[in-house]
């Protein structure tokens, strides 16, 4: 069984920073790309940032220049450094990991809340 455990969410003032981390644990699986998605109030889930096993990254236009994604393949962890946060970044952030062994059966975390408010 595969588990994705997220940490690092919370309440921050506009202009502040947060760091999200996610660790993938379990046996009998192979991970491809990893990343973070988010779902804000009344909005659909959207991709925030992704990173391949070779460290190729993609970012949503709304977070480019503010967020940085990184991963540690040896530890099966992915991290999202979020700077210059604004209220529009308020959302439930989900860790995602691509299942390399089975198309369409990717792994998801439970979500960690990020709230940006003064």
N, C-alpha and C. Protein backbone atom coordinates (compact mmCIF):
# COMPACT_ATOMS: atom_id res chain seq x y z
N UNK A 1 0.85 -1.19 0.00
CA UNK A 1 0.00 0.00 0.00
C UNK A 1 0.88 1.24 0.00
N UNK A 2 0.51 2.22 -0.82
CA UNK A 2 1.29 3.44 -0.95
C UNK A 2 0.61 4.55 -0.17
N UNK A 3 1.42 5.29 0.55
CA UNK A 3 0.90 6.45 1.29
C UNK A 3 1.70 7.69 0.94
N UNK A 4 1.01 8.80 0.78
CA UNK A 4 1.64 10.10 0.58
C UNK A 4 1.29 10.95 1.80
N UNK A 5 2.30 11.36 2.54
CA UNK A 5 2.08 12.12 3.76
C UNK A 5 2.61 13.53 3.57
N UNK A 6 1.69 14.49 3.67
CA UNK A 6 2.05 15.90 3.46
C UNK A 6 2.25 16.61 4.80
N UNK A 7 3.04 17.65 4.76
CA UNK A 7 3.21 18.49 5.94
C UNK A 7 3.58 19.89 5.50
N UNK A 8 3.39 20.85 6.41
CA UNK A 8 3.86 22.19 6.15
C UNK A 8 2.81 23.24 5.86
N UNK A 9 1.56 22.86 5.77
CA UNK A 9 0.52 23.86 5.52
C UNK A 9 0.28 24.72 6.75
N UNK A 10 -0.57 25.73 6.59
CA UNK A 10 -0.89 26.58 7.73
C UNK A 10 -1.41 27.94 7.29
N UNK A 11 -1.43 28.84 8.25
CA UNK A 11 -1.90 30.21 8.03
C UNK A 11 -0.69 31.13 7.92
N UNK A 12 -0.71 31.98 6.90
CA UNK A 12 0.40 32.91 6.69
C UNK A 12 -0.16 34.23 6.18
N UNK A 13 0.52 35.30 6.50
CA UNK A 13 0.11 36.61 6.02
C UNK A 13 0.52 36.82 4.58
N UNK A 14 -0.19 37.68 3.86
CA UNK A 14 0.23 38.00 2.48
C UNK A 14 1.68 38.45 2.44
N UNK A 15 2.40 37.94 1.45
CA UNK A 15 3.82 38.22 1.33
C UNK A 15 4.70 37.24 2.05
N UNK A 16 4.10 36.36 2.83
CA UNK A 16 4.87 35.39 3.60
C UNK A 16 5.24 34.16 2.79
N UNK A 17 5.86 33.20 3.48
CA UNK A 17 6.34 31.99 2.84
C UNK A 17 5.91 30.75 3.63
N UNK A 18 5.76 29.66 2.91
CA UNK A 18 5.52 28.35 3.50
C UNK A 18 6.26 27.32 2.69
N UNK A 19 6.56 26.21 3.33
CA UNK A 19 7.25 25.10 2.67
C UNK A 19 6.44 23.84 2.89
N UNK A 20 5.98 23.25 1.79
CA UNK A 20 5.23 22.00 1.85
C UNK A 20 6.15 20.84 1.53
N UNK A 21 5.98 19.75 2.28
CA UNK A 21 6.75 18.55 2.02
C UNK A 21 5.82 17.35 1.90
N UNK A 22 6.25 16.37 1.14
CA UNK A 22 5.45 15.16 0.95
C UNK A 22 6.40 13.97 0.84
N UNK A 23 6.11 12.95 1.60
CA UNK A 23 6.91 11.73 1.53
C UNK A 23 6.05 10.57 1.08
N UNK A 24 6.56 9.83 0.11
CA UNK A 24 5.87 8.65 -0.40
C UNK A 24 6.44 7.42 0.28
N UNK A 25 5.59 6.63 0.87
CA UNK A 25 6.05 5.41 1.54
C UNK A 25 5.25 4.22 1.06
N UNK A 26 5.82 3.05 1.27
CA UNK A 26 5.16 1.82 0.86
C UNK A 26 6.11 0.96 0.06
N UNK A 27 5.63 -0.16 -0.39
CA UNK A 27 6.46 -1.08 -1.16
C UNK A 27 5.74 -1.52 -2.42
N UNK A 28 6.52 -2.02 -3.36
CA UNK A 28 5.94 -2.56 -4.58
C UNK A 28 5.41 -1.53 -5.55
N UNK A 29 6.05 -0.36 -5.59
CA UNK A 29 5.60 0.66 -6.52
C UNK A 29 6.80 1.36 -7.13
N UNK A 30 6.53 2.00 -8.25
CA UNK A 30 7.54 2.82 -8.91
C UNK A 30 6.95 4.19 -9.17
N UNK A 31 7.69 5.20 -8.79
CA UNK A 31 7.22 6.58 -8.92
C UNK A 31 7.88 7.25 -10.12
N UNK A 32 7.06 7.95 -10.88
CA UNK A 32 7.58 8.75 -11.99
C UNK A 32 7.64 10.20 -11.56
N UNK A 33 6.88 11.04 -12.25
CA UNK A 33 6.83 12.45 -11.87
C UNK A 33 6.13 12.62 -10.53
N UNK A 34 6.43 13.73 -9.86
CA UNK A 34 5.76 14.09 -8.61
C UNK A 34 5.35 15.55 -8.70
N UNK A 35 4.47 15.95 -7.82
CA UNK A 35 4.08 17.35 -7.89
C UNK A 35 3.04 17.73 -6.87
N UNK A 36 2.52 18.93 -7.07
CA UNK A 36 1.51 19.50 -6.18
C UNK A 36 0.36 20.05 -6.99
N UNK A 37 -0.83 19.76 -6.53
CA UNK A 37 -2.06 20.33 -7.06
C UNK A 37 -2.74 21.11 -5.94
N UNK A 38 -3.69 21.95 -6.30
CA UNK A 38 -4.44 22.67 -5.28
C UNK A 38 -5.88 22.87 -5.72
N UNK A 39 -6.73 23.03 -4.74
CA UNK A 39 -8.14 23.31 -5.00
C UNK A 39 -8.58 24.39 -4.04
N UNK A 40 -8.85 25.57 -4.59
CA UNK A 40 -9.33 26.69 -3.79
C UNK A 40 -10.84 26.67 -3.65
N UNK A 41 -11.37 27.51 -2.79
CA UNK A 41 -12.82 27.57 -2.56
C UNK A 41 -13.57 27.84 -3.85
N UNK A 42 -14.50 26.96 -4.20
CA UNK A 42 -15.32 27.14 -5.39
C UNK A 42 -14.57 26.96 -6.70
N UNK A 43 -13.40 26.35 -6.66
CA UNK A 43 -12.60 26.20 -7.86
C UNK A 43 -12.28 24.74 -8.10
N UNK A 44 -11.89 24.44 -9.33
CA UNK A 44 -11.49 23.08 -9.66
C UNK A 44 -10.04 22.85 -9.24
N UNK A 45 -9.70 21.58 -9.06
CA UNK A 45 -8.33 21.25 -8.74
C UNK A 45 -7.43 21.61 -9.92
N UNK A 46 -6.30 22.21 -9.64
CA UNK A 46 -5.39 22.62 -10.69
C UNK A 46 -3.95 22.22 -10.34
N UNK A 47 -3.17 22.02 -11.37
CA UNK A 47 -1.76 21.71 -11.17
C UNK A 47 -1.01 22.97 -10.76
N UNK A 48 -0.19 22.86 -9.76
CA UNK A 48 0.63 23.97 -9.29
C UNK A 48 2.06 23.83 -9.83
N UNK A 49 2.64 22.67 -9.60
CA UNK A 49 4.01 22.43 -10.05
C UNK A 49 4.25 20.93 -10.12
N UNK A 50 5.04 20.51 -11.10
CA UNK A 50 5.41 19.10 -11.22
C UNK A 50 6.90 19.00 -11.49
N UNK A 51 7.45 17.83 -11.18
CA UNK A 51 8.87 17.60 -11.39
C UNK A 51 9.07 16.13 -11.75
N UNK A 52 9.84 15.89 -12.80
CA UNK A 52 10.12 14.53 -13.22
C UNK A 52 11.27 13.95 -12.41
N UNK A 53 11.52 12.67 -12.59
CA UNK A 53 12.63 12.04 -11.89
C UNK A 53 13.96 12.61 -12.34
N UNK A 54 13.97 13.22 -13.51
CA UNK A 54 15.17 13.88 -14.00
C UNK A 54 15.22 15.35 -13.70
N UNK A 55 14.32 15.81 -12.81
CA UNK A 55 14.28 17.19 -12.34
C UNK A 55 13.80 18.20 -13.38
N UNK A 56 13.04 17.73 -14.37
CA UNK A 56 12.39 18.67 -15.29
C UNK A 56 11.14 19.19 -14.60
N UNK A 57 11.00 20.52 -14.53
CA UNK A 57 9.90 21.11 -13.78
C UNK A 57 8.91 21.87 -14.65
N UNK A 58 7.68 21.93 -14.20
CA UNK A 58 6.66 22.78 -14.82
C UNK A 58 5.93 23.51 -13.69
N UNK A 59 5.46 24.71 -14.01
CA UNK A 59 4.75 25.53 -13.04
C UNK A 59 3.52 26.15 -13.67
N UNK A 60 2.49 26.34 -12.85
CA UNK A 60 1.36 27.13 -13.28
C UNK A 60 1.82 28.57 -13.46
N UNK A 61 1.25 29.27 -14.43
CA UNK A 61 1.66 30.65 -14.68
C UNK A 61 1.51 31.52 -13.44
N UNK A 62 0.49 31.23 -12.65
CA UNK A 62 0.19 32.06 -11.49
C UNK A 62 1.24 31.95 -10.37
N UNK A 63 2.09 30.92 -10.43
CA UNK A 63 3.08 30.74 -9.35
C UNK A 63 4.51 30.86 -9.82
N UNK A 64 4.70 31.03 -11.11
CA UNK A 64 6.06 31.13 -11.65
C UNK A 64 6.80 32.30 -11.00
N UNK A 65 8.04 32.03 -10.60
CA UNK A 65 8.84 33.06 -9.96
C UNK A 65 8.62 33.17 -8.48
N UNK A 66 7.58 32.50 -7.96
CA UNK A 66 7.30 32.56 -6.53
C UNK A 66 7.45 31.21 -5.84
N UNK A 67 7.10 30.14 -6.57
CA UNK A 67 7.16 28.79 -6.01
C UNK A 67 8.31 28.02 -6.64
N UNK A 68 8.90 27.13 -5.86
CA UNK A 68 9.97 26.27 -6.35
C UNK A 68 9.72 24.85 -5.89
N UNK A 69 9.72 23.92 -6.84
CA UNK A 69 9.53 22.52 -6.51
C UNK A 69 10.86 21.79 -6.60
N UNK A 70 11.05 20.83 -5.71
CA UNK A 70 12.26 20.01 -5.72
C UNK A 70 11.91 18.62 -5.22
N UNK A 71 12.79 17.67 -5.47
CA UNK A 71 12.54 16.31 -5.01
C UNK A 71 13.84 15.64 -4.63
N UNK A 72 13.70 14.64 -3.78
CA UNK A 72 14.82 13.79 -3.38
C UNK A 72 14.43 12.37 -3.76
N UNK A 73 14.99 11.86 -4.84
CA UNK A 73 14.59 10.54 -5.33
C UNK A 73 14.95 9.43 -4.35
N UNK A 74 16.05 9.59 -3.65
CA UNK A 74 16.47 8.55 -2.70
C UNK A 74 15.49 8.44 -1.54
N UNK A 75 14.87 9.55 -1.17
CA UNK A 75 13.95 9.56 -0.03
C UNK A 75 12.49 9.57 -0.47
N UNK A 76 12.24 9.60 -1.79
CA UNK A 76 10.86 9.66 -2.30
C UNK A 76 10.09 10.84 -1.69
N UNK A 77 10.71 11.99 -1.69
CA UNK A 77 10.07 13.18 -1.16
C UNK A 77 10.02 14.27 -2.22
N UNK A 78 9.00 15.10 -2.11
CA UNK A 78 8.87 16.26 -2.97
C UNK A 78 8.52 17.46 -2.09
N UNK A 79 9.12 18.59 -2.40
CA UNK A 79 8.97 19.78 -1.59
C UNK A 79 8.54 20.95 -2.46
N UNK A 80 7.68 21.80 -1.90
CA UNK A 80 7.25 23.00 -2.60
C UNK A 80 7.54 24.20 -1.70
N UNK A 81 8.47 25.02 -2.12
CA UNK A 81 8.78 26.26 -1.42
C UNK A 81 7.91 27.35 -2.02
N UNK A 82 7.10 27.99 -1.18
CA UNK A 82 6.17 29.00 -1.65
C UNK A 82 6.51 30.34 -1.03
N UNK A 83 6.85 31.29 -1.87
CA UNK A 83 7.20 32.64 -1.42
C UNK A 83 6.21 33.66 -1.97
N UNK A 84 6.23 34.83 -1.38
CA UNK A 84 5.36 35.93 -1.82
C UNK A 84 3.91 35.47 -1.97
N UNK A 85 3.45 34.78 -0.97
CA UNK A 85 2.09 34.24 -1.01
C UNK A 85 1.06 35.35 -1.00
N UNK A 86 -0.04 35.12 -1.69
CA UNK A 86 -1.14 36.08 -1.70
C UNK A 86 -2.45 35.33 -1.44
N UNK A 87 -3.53 36.06 -1.13
CA UNK A 87 -4.79 35.38 -0.78
C UNK A 87 -5.29 34.41 -1.85
N UNK A 88 -4.94 34.65 -3.11
CA UNK A 88 -5.39 33.75 -4.18
C UNK A 88 -4.71 32.38 -4.11
N UNK A 89 -3.66 32.28 -3.32
CA UNK A 89 -2.99 30.99 -3.13
C UNK A 89 -3.68 30.13 -2.08
N UNK A 90 -4.67 30.69 -1.41
CA UNK A 90 -5.40 29.92 -0.40
C UNK A 90 -6.09 28.73 -1.05
N UNK A 91 -5.80 27.55 -0.54
CA UNK A 91 -6.34 26.33 -1.14
C UNK A 91 -5.92 25.12 -0.31
N UNK A 92 -6.54 24.01 -0.65
CA UNK A 92 -6.09 22.72 -0.13
C UNK A 92 -5.07 22.18 -1.14
N UNK A 93 -3.86 21.93 -0.68
CA UNK A 93 -2.78 21.50 -1.55
C UNK A 93 -2.58 20.00 -1.43
N UNK A 94 -2.56 19.34 -2.58
CA UNK A 94 -2.44 17.89 -2.64
C UNK A 94 -1.11 17.48 -3.25
N UNK A 95 -0.46 16.54 -2.61
CA UNK A 95 0.72 15.92 -3.18
C UNK A 95 0.29 14.85 -4.19
N UNK A 96 1.02 14.75 -5.28
CA UNK A 96 0.70 13.79 -6.35
C UNK A 96 1.97 13.06 -6.77
N UNK A 97 1.82 11.79 -7.05
CA UNK A 97 2.94 11.00 -7.55
C UNK A 97 2.45 10.09 -8.66
N UNK A 98 3.14 10.12 -9.76
CA UNK A 98 2.77 9.30 -10.92
C UNK A 98 3.11 7.83 -10.67
N UNK A 99 2.16 6.97 -10.94
CA UNK A 99 2.38 5.54 -10.84
C UNK A 99 3.02 5.05 -12.13
N UNK A 100 4.29 4.74 -12.09
CA UNK A 100 5.00 4.32 -13.30
C UNK A 100 4.58 2.94 -13.78
N UNK A 101 3.99 2.16 -12.90
CA UNK A 101 3.64 0.78 -13.25
C UNK A 101 2.24 0.65 -13.82
N UNK A 102 1.39 1.64 -13.55
CA UNK A 102 0.00 1.49 -13.96
C UNK A 102 -0.57 2.84 -14.38
N UNK A 103 -0.87 2.98 -15.66
CA UNK A 103 -1.42 4.23 -16.19
C UNK A 103 -2.77 4.53 -15.57
N UNK A 104 -2.96 5.76 -15.13
CA UNK A 104 -4.24 6.18 -14.58
C UNK A 104 -4.46 5.80 -13.13
N UNK A 105 -3.47 5.25 -12.49
CA UNK A 105 -3.61 4.85 -11.08
C UNK A 105 -2.60 5.59 -10.23
N UNK A 106 -2.55 6.88 -10.41
CA UNK A 106 -1.60 7.70 -9.68
C UNK A 106 -1.94 7.77 -8.20
N UNK A 107 -1.00 8.26 -7.44
CA UNK A 107 -1.14 8.33 -5.99
C UNK A 107 -1.37 9.77 -5.54
N UNK A 108 -2.21 9.93 -4.52
CA UNK A 108 -2.55 11.26 -4.02
C UNK A 108 -2.47 11.29 -2.50
N UNK A 109 -2.06 12.46 -1.99
CA UNK A 109 -2.11 12.67 -0.56
C UNK A 109 -3.49 13.14 -0.14
N UNK A 110 -3.65 13.32 1.16
CA UNK A 110 -4.95 13.73 1.71
C UNK A 110 -5.16 15.23 1.62
N UNK A 111 -4.10 15.97 1.42
CA UNK A 111 -4.22 17.42 1.30
C UNK A 111 -3.79 18.14 2.57
N UNK A 112 -3.19 19.30 2.37
CA UNK A 112 -2.80 20.15 3.50
C UNK A 112 -3.28 21.57 3.20
N UNK A 113 -3.91 22.19 4.16
CA UNK A 113 -4.52 23.50 3.95
C UNK A 113 -3.49 24.61 4.03
N UNK A 114 -3.55 25.49 3.04
CA UNK A 114 -2.75 26.72 3.05
C UNK A 114 -3.73 27.89 3.02
N UNK A 115 -3.63 28.75 4.01
CA UNK A 115 -4.50 29.92 4.08
C UNK A 115 -3.64 31.17 4.16
N UNK A 116 -3.87 32.08 3.22
CA UNK A 116 -3.12 33.33 3.18
C UNK A 116 -4.10 34.46 3.51
N UNK A 117 -3.88 35.06 4.67
CA UNK A 117 -4.82 36.07 5.14
C UNK A 117 -4.14 36.96 6.17
N UNK A 118 -4.57 38.21 6.18
CA UNK A 118 -4.05 39.13 7.19
C UNK A 118 -4.97 39.17 8.40
